[in-house]
């Protein structure tokens, strides 16, 4: 983790930021008239340290695992088992799979700790740490050794992923509640705000979830270190995601974070290497009000608000055209190829700077 922290540098660069702003203002319709696309374009340029941000081979990674909290009925009985959701993703029968195919986004499902066996598939990557975590209300969800092993597994995955865009989401029975506990401890937030899905949530369901959450918090009240917190409350999908995010940020790749487990993974990664959040943008696939509070912890909002209530990752895939469009403000012009440099003059003259 020390190596990754050293490799992840902040994106702040006053000279480049000013040059990106000037470039946008030279566009006939890009001087404040394109709303949030303009600040996003500037962020993309800063991420890649260039006036011409370009993206290739976007990767959608769905991290799947089961959680010991499920034995306490933390989720509605109607929620489908994790292995069934994964099977549907792999068979391409969910909208998320169709959207990814239609936009030529490579999708990989990573089995980080699904309790049941999953039929092998070309898009399934098995990195099972264990067959689900333990019940955090009774003991630590995972050992510290397991947490570190999962992060290392994520780093190995991150080193092998193609392209320079990572869309990440976590799924699994109990994943939302597990992530809420991690975010509540690391972000000093009230767990109720993260668990409350909205006015439609039955009072007895909320009370049950809060009872389990408060019991878990009391059992692990001494956990404060980010990896210890993740081991106490988190899921294997979250821990593997942490490793992938750290590697992606170290390569200055864009990370599109979708859903509560992904937010929790980013929070842990941020505590390990604060600058990794500079490379992240936020997406949402669910109406859950707790997700609003999770994103507020990063002072962020979702790129796209469509009122979705679908599988995590769907929002990231649907927001991808917005990202490409924002980058196009800097890389494409009406009369063809942009003749300008890749870096502003003061940076282009510096040793090791990018060349046009």
Protein backbone atom coordinates (compact mmCIF):
# COMPACT_ATOMS: atom_id res chain seq x y z
CA UNK A 1 0.00 0.00 0.00
CA UNK A 2 2.94 2.36 0.63
CA UNK A 3 4.05 1.96 -2.98
CA UNK A 4 0.59 2.79 -4.31
CA UNK A 5 0.33 5.87 -2.10
CA UNK A 6 3.63 7.16 -3.47
CA UNK A 7 2.57 6.56 -7.07
CA UNK A 8 -0.78 8.33 -6.85
CA UNK A 9 -0.28 12.04 -7.39
CA UNK A 10 -2.90 14.79 -7.09
CA UNK A 11 -4.29 16.10 -10.36
CA UNK A 12 -4.03 19.76 -9.31
CA UNK A 13 -2.02 21.78 -11.84
CA UNK A 14 -2.79 25.50 -12.03
CA UNK A 15 -1.02 26.08 -15.36
CA UNK A 16 -2.71 23.16 -17.10
CA UNK A 17 -6.11 24.00 -15.59
CA UNK A 18 -5.91 27.55 -16.93
CA UNK A 19 -4.88 26.26 -20.35
CA UNK A 20 -7.81 23.84 -20.37
CA UNK A 21 -10.19 26.65 -19.46
CA UNK A 22 -8.77 28.85 -22.22
CA UNK A 23 -9.13 26.05 -24.74
CA UNK A 24 -12.77 25.56 -23.83
CA UNK A 25 -13.45 29.30 -24.06
CA UNK A 26 -12.10 29.33 -27.61
CA UNK A 27 -14.89 26.98 -28.66
CA UNK A 28 -17.84 28.89 -30.06
CA UNK A 29 -20.38 27.16 -27.81
CA UNK A 30 -18.19 26.09 -24.90
CA UNK A 31 -17.89 29.23 -22.85
CA UNK A 32 -20.29 28.44 -20.05
CA UNK A 33 -23.12 27.21 -22.25
CA UNK A 34 -22.56 23.47 -21.83
CA UNK A 35 -23.18 23.21 -18.12
CA UNK A 36 -21.46 20.42 -16.24
CA UNK A 37 -19.73 19.09 -19.36
CA UNK A 38 -17.13 21.86 -19.15
CA UNK A 39 -15.85 21.30 -15.59
CA UNK A 40 -15.89 17.57 -16.32
CA UNK A 41 -13.76 18.16 -19.41
CA UNK A 42 -11.26 20.11 -17.30
CA UNK A 43 -11.13 17.30 -14.74
CA UNK A 44 -10.50 14.76 -17.49
CA UNK A 45 -7.64 16.84 -18.86
CA UNK A 46 -6.12 17.15 -15.38
CA UNK A 47 -6.46 13.41 -14.79
CA UNK A 48 -4.52 12.61 -17.94
CA UNK A 49 -2.22 15.64 -17.57
CA UNK A 50 -2.94 16.81 -21.10
CA UNK A 51 -4.95 19.28 -23.17
CA UNK A 52 -6.19 16.35 -25.25
CA UNK A 53 -7.68 13.67 -22.98
CA UNK A 54 -8.44 10.46 -24.85
CA UNK A 55 -10.02 7.23 -23.68
CA UNK A 56 -9.65 3.67 -24.91
CA UNK A 57 -11.15 0.27 -24.15
CA UNK A 58 -13.45 1.14 -21.21
CA UNK A 59 -13.78 -1.69 -18.69
CA UNK A 60 -16.84 -2.45 -16.58
CA UNK A 61 -15.89 -4.50 -13.52
CA UNK A 62 -18.65 -5.93 -11.33
CA UNK A 63 -17.30 -7.23 -8.01
CA UNK A 64 -19.53 -9.85 -6.39
CA UNK A 65 -19.54 -11.36 -2.90
CA UNK A 66 -21.87 -12.61 -0.18
CA UNK A 67 -22.04 -11.19 3.34
CA UNK A 68 -22.48 -12.87 6.70
CA UNK A 69 -25.09 -10.28 7.68
CA UNK A 70 -27.48 -12.03 5.30
CA UNK A 71 -28.10 -14.77 7.87
CA UNK A 72 -29.84 -12.16 10.03
CA UNK A 73 -32.27 -11.29 7.24
CA UNK A 74 -30.72 -7.90 6.61
CA UNK A 75 -32.25 -7.75 3.12
CA UNK A 76 -35.81 -8.52 1.94
CA UNK A 77 -36.51 -12.18 1.26
CA UNK A 78 -37.41 -11.20 -2.30
CA UNK A 79 -33.83 -10.18 -3.13
CA UNK A 80 -32.33 -12.74 -5.46
CA UNK A 81 -29.25 -14.72 -4.40
CA UNK A 82 -25.91 -13.28 -5.48
CA UNK A 83 -25.11 -16.23 -7.73
CA UNK A 84 -28.40 -15.79 -9.60
CA UNK A 85 -27.71 -12.11 -10.27
CA UNK A 86 -24.20 -12.95 -11.48
CA UNK A 87 -25.57 -15.69 -13.74
CA UNK A 88 -28.02 -13.25 -15.30
CA UNK A 89 -25.25 -10.72 -15.87
CA UNK A 90 -23.06 -13.29 -17.56
CA UNK A 91 -25.90 -14.62 -19.71
CA UNK A 92 -26.61 -11.09 -20.88
CA UNK A 93 -30.26 -11.02 -19.83
CA UNK A 94 -30.05 -7.85 -17.71
CA UNK A 95 -30.23 -4.30 -19.14
CA UNK A 96 -26.74 -3.61 -17.77
CA UNK A 97 -25.26 -6.34 -19.97
CA UNK A 98 -27.13 -5.07 -23.03
CA UNK A 99 -26.10 -1.45 -22.44
CA UNK A 100 -22.45 -2.48 -22.07
CA UNK A 101 -22.56 -4.49 -25.30
CA UNK A 102 -24.23 -1.67 -27.21
CA UNK A 103 -21.45 0.75 -26.22
CA UNK A 104 -18.63 -1.75 -26.74
CA UNK A 105 -17.70 -1.74 -23.08
CA UNK A 106 -15.92 -4.87 -21.90
CA UNK A 107 -17.67 -6.34 -18.86
CA UNK A 108 -16.00 -8.62 -16.33
CA UNK A 109 -17.66 -10.09 -13.25
CA UNK A 110 -15.21 -10.84 -10.44
CA UNK A 111 -16.17 -13.55 -7.93
CA UNK A 112 -14.58 -12.15 -4.79
CA UNK A 113 -16.49 -14.33 -2.35
CA UNK A 114 -19.79 -15.69 -3.65
CA UNK A 115 -21.04 -18.34 -1.23
CA UNK A 116 -22.29 -20.74 -3.91
CA UNK A 117 -20.48 -22.15 -6.91
CA UNK A 118 -20.81 -20.19 -10.14
CA UNK A 119 -20.68 -21.85 -13.55
CA UNK A 120 -17.44 -20.87 -15.33
CA UNK A 121 -17.80 -18.22 -18.01
CA UNK A 122 -15.40 -16.32 -20.24
CA UNK A 123 -16.40 -13.05 -18.56
CA UNK A 124 -16.14 -14.45 -15.02
CA UNK A 125 -12.91 -13.91 -13.12
CA UNK A 126 -12.60 -16.01 -9.97
CA UNK A 127 -10.66 -14.39 -7.13
CA UNK A 128 -12.61 -15.91 -4.27
CA UNK A 129 -11.11 -14.97 -0.90
CA UNK A 130 -13.65 -17.14 0.95
CA UNK A 131 -17.24 -18.29 0.52
CA UNK A 132 -18.70 -15.06 1.86
CA UNK A 133 -17.72 -12.99 4.88
CA UNK A 134 -18.61 -13.75 8.46
CA UNK A 135 -21.44 -11.97 10.27
CA UNK A 136 -20.06 -8.60 11.35
CA UNK A 137 -22.58 -8.48 14.19
CA UNK A 138 -20.92 -11.53 15.73
CA UNK A 139 -17.27 -11.17 14.70
CA UNK A 140 -15.08 -9.34 12.21
CA UNK A 141 -16.43 -9.87 8.71
CA UNK A 142 -12.95 -10.90 7.56
CA UNK A 143 -9.51 -11.27 9.07
CA UNK A 144 -6.86 -8.64 8.42
CA UNK A 145 -4.95 -11.23 6.41
CA UNK A 146 -8.01 -11.76 4.22
CA UNK A 147 -8.48 -8.00 3.80
CA UNK A 148 -4.88 -7.55 2.68
CA UNK A 149 -5.09 -10.58 0.39
CA UNK A 150 -8.21 -9.15 -1.23
CA UNK A 151 -6.54 -5.76 -1.79
CA UNK A 152 -3.54 -7.50 -3.35
CA UNK A 153 -5.86 -9.52 -5.59
CA UNK A 154 -7.45 -6.26 -6.71
CA UNK A 155 -4.06 -4.76 -7.48
CA UNK A 156 -3.22 -7.77 -9.63
CA UNK A 157 -6.52 -7.39 -11.48
CA UNK A 158 -5.89 -3.67 -11.94
CA UNK A 159 -2.52 -4.40 -13.53
CA UNK A 160 -4.13 -6.66 -16.13
CA UNK A 161 -7.18 -4.58 -17.13
CA UNK A 162 -6.96 -3.06 -20.59
CA UNK A 163 -7.78 0.53 -21.44
CA UNK A 164 -7.72 3.63 -19.26
CA UNK A 165 -11.30 3.73 -17.94
CA UNK A 166 -12.59 1.65 -15.03
CA UNK A 167 -16.31 1.48 -14.25
CA UNK A 168 -16.71 -0.32 -10.94
CA UNK A 169 -19.65 -1.55 -8.89
CA UNK A 170 -20.17 -4.09 -6.13
CA UNK A 171 -23.07 -6.53 -5.83
CA UNK A 172 -24.14 -9.21 -3.38
CA UNK A 173 -26.72 -9.89 -0.69
CA UNK A 174 -25.88 -7.58 2.21
CA UNK A 175 -23.42 -5.46 0.22
CA UNK A 176 -25.31 -2.20 0.73
CA UNK A 177 -25.57 -2.64 4.51
CA UNK A 178 -21.94 -3.67 4.77
CA UNK A 179 -20.87 -0.60 2.78
CA UNK A 180 -23.07 1.65 4.92
CA UNK A 181 -21.27 0.45 8.06
CA UNK A 182 -17.86 1.18 6.53
CA UNK A 183 -18.90 4.63 5.34
CA UNK A 184 -20.54 5.47 8.66
CA UNK A 185 -17.34 4.68 10.58
CA UNK A 186 -14.80 6.23 8.21
CA UNK A 187 -16.95 9.22 7.31
CA UNK A 188 -18.28 9.77 10.83
CA UNK A 189 -21.76 9.65 9.39
CA UNK A 190 -25.00 8.45 10.93
CA UNK A 191 -25.64 4.92 9.74
CA UNK A 192 -29.40 5.54 9.59
CA UNK A 193 -28.90 8.10 6.83
CA UNK A 194 -27.07 5.51 4.76
CA UNK A 195 -29.55 2.69 5.37
CA UNK A 196 -32.76 4.68 4.87
CA UNK A 197 -33.82 4.10 1.27
CA UNK A 198 -36.69 6.60 1.23
CA UNK A 199 -40.29 7.17 2.36
CA UNK A 200 -41.38 3.89 0.77
CA UNK A 201 -39.13 1.87 3.13
CA UNK A 202 -41.21 -0.07 5.67
CA UNK A 203 -40.55 1.13 9.23
CA UNK A 204 -40.02 -2.41 10.49
CA UNK A 205 -37.40 -3.08 7.79
CA UNK A 206 -35.47 0.05 8.72
CA UNK A 207 -35.71 -0.79 12.43
CA UNK A 208 -34.39 -4.29 11.78
CA UNK A 209 -31.45 -3.04 9.74
CA UNK A 210 -30.63 -0.38 12.33
CA UNK A 211 -30.70 -2.93 15.13
CA UNK A 212 -28.20 -5.13 13.29
CA UNK A 213 -26.05 -2.14 12.34
CA UNK A 214 -25.90 -0.75 15.86
CA UNK A 215 -24.99 -4.18 17.18
CA UNK A 216 -22.13 -4.42 14.69
CA UNK A 217 -20.94 -0.91 15.50
CA UNK A 218 -20.88 -1.66 19.20
CA UNK A 219 -18.93 -4.88 18.68
CA UNK A 220 -16.25 -3.15 16.60
CA UNK A 221 -16.16 0.24 18.31
CA UNK A 222 -12.33 0.23 18.45
CA UNK A 223 -11.84 -0.17 14.68
CA UNK A 224 -10.65 3.10 13.09
CA UNK A 225 -7.81 2.25 10.70
CA UNK A 226 -9.33 2.05 7.19
CA UNK A 227 -8.29 -1.55 6.53
CA UNK A 228 -9.35 -2.60 10.03
CA UNK A 229 -12.73 -0.94 9.49
CA UNK A 230 -13.14 -2.74 6.20
CA UNK A 231 -12.17 -6.04 7.82
CA UNK A 232 -14.67 -5.47 10.63
CA UNK A 233 -17.68 -4.48 8.51
CA UNK A 234 -16.89 -4.83 4.83
CA UNK A 235 -17.22 -7.34 2.05
CA UNK A 236 -14.68 -9.07 -0.12
CA UNK A 237 -16.04 -7.27 -3.17
CA UNK A 238 -15.19 -3.98 -1.49
CA UNK A 239 -11.66 -5.03 -0.54
CA UNK A 240 -10.81 -6.27 -4.04
CA UNK A 241 -12.26 -3.05 -5.45
CA UNK A 242 -9.93 -1.03 -3.22
CA UNK A 243 -6.91 -2.65 -4.86
CA UNK A 244 -8.21 -2.08 -8.37
CA UNK A 245 -9.00 1.60 -7.64
CA UNK A 246 -5.51 2.19 -6.20
CA UNK A 247 -3.85 0.77 -9.31
CA UNK A 248 -6.17 2.65 -11.68
CA UNK A 249 -5.43 5.95 -9.95
CA UNK A 250 -1.69 5.24 -9.97
CA UNK A 251 -1.96 4.95 -13.78
CA UNK A 252 -3.97 8.20 -13.99
CA UNK A 253 -6.98 6.28 -15.30
CA UNK A 254 -10.56 7.48 -14.93
CA UNK A 255 -12.54 5.61 -12.25
CA UNK A 256 -16.34 5.71 -12.56
CA UNK A 257 -17.76 4.84 -9.13
CA UNK A 258 -21.29 3.43 -9.08
CA UNK A 259 -23.21 2.49 -5.94
CA UNK A 260 -22.75 2.23 -2.19
CA UNK A 261 -20.14 -0.59 -2.15
CA UNK A 262 -18.05 1.30 -4.71
CA UNK A 263 -18.30 4.48 -2.61
CA UNK A 264 -17.14 2.54 0.46
CA UNK A 265 -14.23 1.07 -1.49
CA UNK A 266 -13.25 4.54 -2.68
CA UNK A 267 -13.41 5.84 0.89
CA UNK A 268 -11.00 3.13 2.06
CA UNK A 269 -8.73 3.76 -0.93
CA UNK A 270 -8.81 7.49 -0.22
CA UNK A 271 -7.69 6.89 3.36
CA UNK A 272 -4.77 4.84 2.02
CA UNK A 273 -3.88 7.29 -0.78
CA UNK A 274 -5.86 10.56 -0.58
CA UNK A 275 -5.22 11.61 -4.19
CA UNK A 276 -7.04 8.60 -5.67
CA UNK A 277 -10.38 10.43 -5.35
CA UNK A 278 -9.07 13.00 -7.88
CA UNK A 279 -9.48 10.33 -10.57
CA UNK A 280 -13.05 9.42 -9.65
CA UNK A 281 -16.43 10.51 -10.96
CA UNK A 282 -19.71 9.32 -9.49
CA UNK A 283 -22.63 7.52 -11.06
CA UNK A 284 -25.80 6.01 -9.67
CA UNK A 285 -28.08 3.14 -10.60
CA UNK A 286 -30.47 3.26 -7.63
CA UNK A 287 -32.97 5.66 -6.08
CA UNK A 288 -31.77 4.77 -2.57
CA UNK A 289 -31.51 7.98 -0.50
CA UNK A 290 -28.54 6.58 1.39
CA UNK A 291 -26.55 6.90 -1.79
CA UNK A 292 -27.15 10.66 -1.74
CA UNK A 293 -25.46 10.82 1.66
CA UNK A 294 -22.64 8.57 0.49
CA UNK A 295 -21.81 10.87 -2.44
CA UNK A 296 -22.13 13.94 -0.23
CA UNK A 297 -19.26 12.54 1.84
CA UNK A 298 -17.10 13.17 -1.24
CA UNK A 299 -18.85 16.47 -1.98
CA UNK A 300 -20.02 14.94 -5.24
CA UNK A 301 -23.16 14.29 -7.24
CA UNK A 302 -23.89 11.72 -9.92
CA UNK A 303 -23.01 12.55 -13.51
CA UNK A 304 -26.45 11.47 -14.65
CA UNK A 305 -29.77 11.37 -12.80
CA UNK A 306 -32.28 9.18 -14.63
CA UNK A 307 -34.34 7.84 -11.74
CA UNK A 308 -32.84 4.38 -12.22
CA UNK A 309 -33.47 1.56 -9.78
CA UNK A 310 -31.37 -1.10 -11.43
CA UNK A 311 -28.21 -3.16 -10.96
CA UNK A 312 -25.21 -1.14 -9.80
CA UNK A 313 -23.02 -0.37 -12.79
CA UNK A 314 -25.95 0.56 -15.03
CA UNK A 315 -25.59 4.26 -14.26
CA UNK A 316 -21.87 4.22 -15.07
CA UNK A 317 -22.45 2.60 -18.46
CA UNK A 318 -25.20 5.08 -19.33
CA UNK A 319 -23.02 8.02 -18.21
CA UNK A 320 -20.14 6.92 -20.42
CA UNK A 321 -21.33 8.93 -23.48
CA UNK A 322 -21.28 12.07 -21.30
CA UNK A 323 -17.65 11.42 -20.44
CA UNK A 324 -16.73 10.91 -24.08
CA UNK A 325 -18.63 14.06 -25.04
CA UNK A 326 -16.81 16.10 -22.40
CA UNK A 327 -13.46 14.87 -23.67
CA UNK A 328 -14.53 15.71 -27.23
CA UNK A 329 -14.78 19.37 -26.25
CA UNK A 330 -11.00 19.30 -25.93
CA UNK A 331 -10.02 16.77 -28.58
CA UNK A 332 -12.41 17.51 -31.45
CA UNK A 333 -13.19 20.71 -33.32
CA UNK A 334 -15.69 21.45 -36.04
CA UNK A 335 -13.11 21.72 -38.84
CA UNK A 336 -11.29 18.47 -38.12
CA UNK A 337 -8.20 17.56 -36.16
CA UNK A 338 -7.08 20.00 -33.49
CA UNK A 339 -3.75 21.54 -34.57
CA UNK A 340 -2.89 22.72 -31.07
CA UNK A 341 -0.40 21.20 -28.62
CA UNK A 342 -1.13 18.49 -26.08
CA UNK A 343 0.34 20.59 -23.27
CA UNK A 344 0.38 24.35 -22.53
CA UNK A 345 3.63 26.02 -23.58
CA UNK A 346 5.20 26.31 -20.07
CA UNK A 347 4.62 22.58 -19.50
CA UNK A 348 5.44 21.47 -23.03
CA UNK A 349 8.87 23.07 -22.66
CA UNK A 350 9.57 21.20 -19.43
CA UNK A 351 11.71 18.04 -19.51
CA UNK A 352 9.61 14.90 -19.83
CA UNK A 353 6.45 16.77 -20.85
CA UNK A 354 4.03 15.24 -23.34
CA UNK A 355 4.58 16.17 -26.96
CA UNK A 356 1.84 17.15 -29.42
